[in-house]
């Protein structure tokens, strides 16, 4: 199920997906921060947690030539990819979990 899918009557995934997007994301954030703060955590665990936090915060966003193009210069596939990135970014900001 994606954000754009309409819930199916009697489908238990809707409430579960809402919990994952709220409680699950909060737990993932808290866990990543606690790993980063734990002096006994192994270096690979810290590196993974830091990478996840930076990626969610937008620090590791890929910048490619598409970002320099105007919409009328992009192919349909490039426009679709750009729209997906913008929607993902807007949803992340709207959630307020990482603010």
C-alpha atoms as a PDB file:
ATOM      1  CA  UNK A   1       0.000   0.000   0.000  1.00  0.00           C
ATOM      2  CA  UNK A   2       1.305   3.420  -0.873  1.00  0.00           C
ATOM      3  CA  UNK A   3       0.258   6.848   0.336  1.00  0.00           C
ATOM      4  CA  UNK A   4      -1.862   7.274  -2.795  1.00  0.00           C
ATOM      5  CA  UNK A   5      -3.723   3.945  -2.525  1.00  0.00           C
ATOM      6  CA  UNK A   6      -7.305   4.029  -1.421  1.00  0.00           C
ATOM      7  CA  UNK A   7      -7.981   1.728   1.537  1.00  0.00           C
ATOM      8  CA  UNK A   8      -9.863  -1.457   0.697  1.00  0.00           C
ATOM      9  CA  UNK A   9     -12.917  -2.112   2.832  1.00  0.00           C
ATOM     10  CA  UNK A  10     -12.087  -4.744   5.440  1.00  0.00           C
ATOM     11  CA  UNK A  11      -8.368  -4.459   4.711  1.00  0.00           C
ATOM     12  CA  UNK A  12      -6.327  -4.454   7.929  1.00  0.00           C
ATOM     13  CA  UNK A  13      -3.341  -2.900   6.185  1.00  0.00           C
ATOM     14  CA  UNK A  14      -4.726   0.652   6.429  1.00  0.00           C
ATOM     15  CA  UNK A  15      -4.547   0.954  10.223  1.00  0.00           C
ATOM     16  CA  UNK A  16      -1.281  -0.978  10.270  1.00  0.00           C
ATOM     17  CA  UNK A  17       0.293   1.340   7.698  1.00  0.00           C
ATOM     18  CA  UNK A  18      -0.802   4.371   9.744  1.00  0.00           C
ATOM     19  CA  UNK A  19       0.914   2.881  12.827  1.00  0.00           C
ATOM     20  CA  UNK A  20       4.057   2.181  10.830  1.00  0.00           C
ATOM     21  CA  UNK A  21       4.119   5.748   9.478  1.00  0.00           C
ATOM     22  CA  UNK A  22       3.718   7.219  12.971  1.00  0.00           C
ATOM     23  CA  UNK A  23       4.859   4.914  15.776  1.00  0.00           C
ATOM     24  CA  UNK A  24       7.248   2.953  13.575  1.00  0.00           C
ATOM     25  CA  UNK A  25       8.983   6.006  12.189  1.00  0.00           C
ATOM     26  CA  UNK A  26       9.278   7.560  15.652  1.00  0.00           C
ATOM     27  CA  UNK A  27      10.748   4.328  17.025  1.00  0.00           C
ATOM     28  CA  UNK A  28      13.190   4.087  14.113  1.00  0.00           C
ATOM     29  CA  UNK A  29      14.329   7.666  14.726  1.00  0.00           C
ATOM     30  CA  UNK A  30      14.744   7.149  18.480  1.00  0.00           C
ATOM     31  CA  UNK A  31      16.629   3.898  17.898  1.00  0.00           C
ATOM     32  CA  UNK A  32      18.998   5.476  15.378  1.00  0.00           C
ATOM     33  CA  UNK A  33      19.748   8.370  17.746  1.00  0.00           C
ATOM     34  CA  UNK A  34      20.314   6.016  20.690  1.00  0.00           C
ATOM     35  CA  UNK A  35      22.750   3.949  18.606  1.00  0.00           C
ATOM     36  CA  UNK A  36      24.659   7.099  17.690  1.00  0.00           C
ATOM     37  CA  UNK A  37      24.853   8.159  21.347  1.00  0.00           C
ATOM     38  CA  UNK A  38      25.852   4.742  22.708  1.00  0.00           C
ATOM     39  CA  UNK A  39      29.618   4.743  23.357  1.00  0.00           C
ATOM     40  CA  UNK A  40      29.597   0.922  23.272  1.00  0.00           C
ATOM     41  CA  UNK A  41      27.800   0.631  19.916  1.00  0.00           C
ATOM     42  CA  UNK A  42      29.970  -0.876  17.182  1.00  0.00           C
ATOM     43  CA  UNK A  43      31.292   1.524  14.569  1.00  0.00           C
ATOM     44  CA  UNK A  44      29.347  -0.111  11.680  1.00  0.00           C
ATOM     45  CA  UNK A  45      26.075   0.290  13.606  1.00  0.00           C
ATOM     46  CA  UNK A  46      26.837   3.952  14.281  1.00  0.00           C
ATOM     47  CA  UNK A  47      27.766   4.548  10.654  1.00  0.00           C
ATOM     48  CA  UNK A  48      24.531   2.958   9.445  1.00  0.00           C
ATOM     49  CA  UNK A  49      22.424   4.942  11.923  1.00  0.00           C
ATOM     50  CA  UNK A  50      24.156   8.206  11.042  1.00  0.00           C
ATOM     51  CA  UNK A  51      23.726   7.556   7.341  1.00  0.00           C
ATOM     52  CA  UNK A  52      20.021   6.855   7.818  1.00  0.00           C
ATOM     53  CA  UNK A  53      19.527  10.056   9.824  1.00  0.00           C
ATOM     54  CA  UNK A  54      21.428  12.201   7.326  1.00  0.00           C
ATOM     55  CA  UNK A  55      19.586  10.614   4.395  1.00  0.00           C
ATOM     56  CA  UNK A  56      16.171  11.264   5.945  1.00  0.00           C
ATOM     57  CA  UNK A  57      17.212  14.843   6.722  1.00  0.00           C
ATOM     58  CA  UNK A  58      18.042  15.322   3.042  1.00  0.00           C
ATOM     59  CA  UNK A  59      21.798  15.708   3.335  1.00  0.00           C
ATOM     60  CA  UNK A  60      22.550  12.802   1.009  1.00  0.00           C
ATOM     61  CA  UNK A  61      20.053  13.581  -1.705  1.00  0.00           C
ATOM     62  CA  UNK A  62      21.395  12.748  -5.088  1.00  0.00           C
ATOM     63  CA  UNK A  63      21.820  15.719  -7.306  1.00  0.00           C
ATOM     64  CA  UNK A  64      21.900  14.852 -10.947  1.00  0.00           C
ATOM     65  CA  UNK A  65      21.589  16.705 -14.196  1.00  0.00           C
ATOM     66  CA  UNK A  66      17.781  16.473 -13.961  1.00  0.00           C
ATOM     67  CA  UNK A  67      17.812  19.058 -11.190  1.00  0.00           C
ATOM     68  CA  UNK A  68      19.365  21.572 -13.558  1.00  0.00           C
ATOM     69  CA  UNK A  69      16.781  20.967 -16.263  1.00  0.00           C
ATOM     70  CA  UNK A  70      13.572  22.869 -16.664  1.00  0.00           C
ATOM     71  CA  UNK A  71      10.449  20.687 -16.759  1.00  0.00           C
ATOM     72  CA  UNK A  72       9.932  21.282 -20.476  1.00  0.00           C
ATOM     73  CA  UNK A  73      13.446  19.881 -21.093  1.00  0.00           C
ATOM     74  CA  UNK A  74      12.794  16.598 -19.221  1.00  0.00           C
ATOM     75  CA  UNK A  75      11.604  13.285 -20.595  1.00  0.00           C
ATOM     76  CA  UNK A  76       8.477  11.669 -19.187  1.00  0.00           C
ATOM     77  CA  UNK A  77      10.629   9.327 -17.070  1.00  0.00           C
ATOM     78  CA  UNK A  78      12.661  12.255 -15.703  1.00  0.00           C
ATOM     79  CA  UNK A  79       9.460  14.146 -14.837  1.00  0.00           C
ATOM     80  CA  UNK A  80       8.024  11.087 -13.070  1.00  0.00           C
ATOM     81  CA  UNK A  81      11.219  10.639 -11.041  1.00  0.00           C
ATOM     82  CA  UNK A  82      11.304  14.323 -10.099  1.00  0.00           C
ATOM     83  CA  UNK A  83       7.642  14.260  -9.034  1.00  0.00           C
ATOM     84  CA  UNK A  84       8.267  11.163  -6.883  1.00  0.00           C
ATOM     85  CA  UNK A  85      11.239  12.851  -5.166  1.00  0.00           C
ATOM     86  CA  UNK A  86       9.229  16.002  -4.489  1.00  0.00           C
ATOM     87  CA  UNK A  87       6.270  14.010  -3.107  1.00  0.00           C
ATOM     88  CA  UNK A  88       8.562  11.998  -0.837  1.00  0.00           C
ATOM     89  CA  UNK A  89      10.206  15.170   0.429  1.00  0.00           C
ATOM     90  CA  UNK A  90       6.814  16.833   1.047  1.00  0.00           C
ATOM     91  CA  UNK A  91       5.500  13.796   2.923  1.00  0.00           C
ATOM     92  CA  UNK A  92       8.605  13.663   5.100  1.00  0.00           C
ATOM     93  CA  UNK A  93       8.192  17.331   6.003  1.00  0.00           C
ATOM     94  CA  UNK A  94       4.454  16.986   6.582  1.00  0.00           C
ATOM     95  CA  UNK A  95       4.936  14.124   9.003  1.00  0.00           C
ATOM     96  CA  UNK A  96       6.827  16.404  11.406  1.00  0.00           C
ATOM     97  CA  UNK A  97       8.521  13.370  12.940  1.00  0.00           C
ATOM     98  CA  UNK A  98      12.036  14.574  12.229  1.00  0.00           C
ATOM     99  CA  UNK A  99      11.535  18.282  12.921  1.00  0.00           C
END
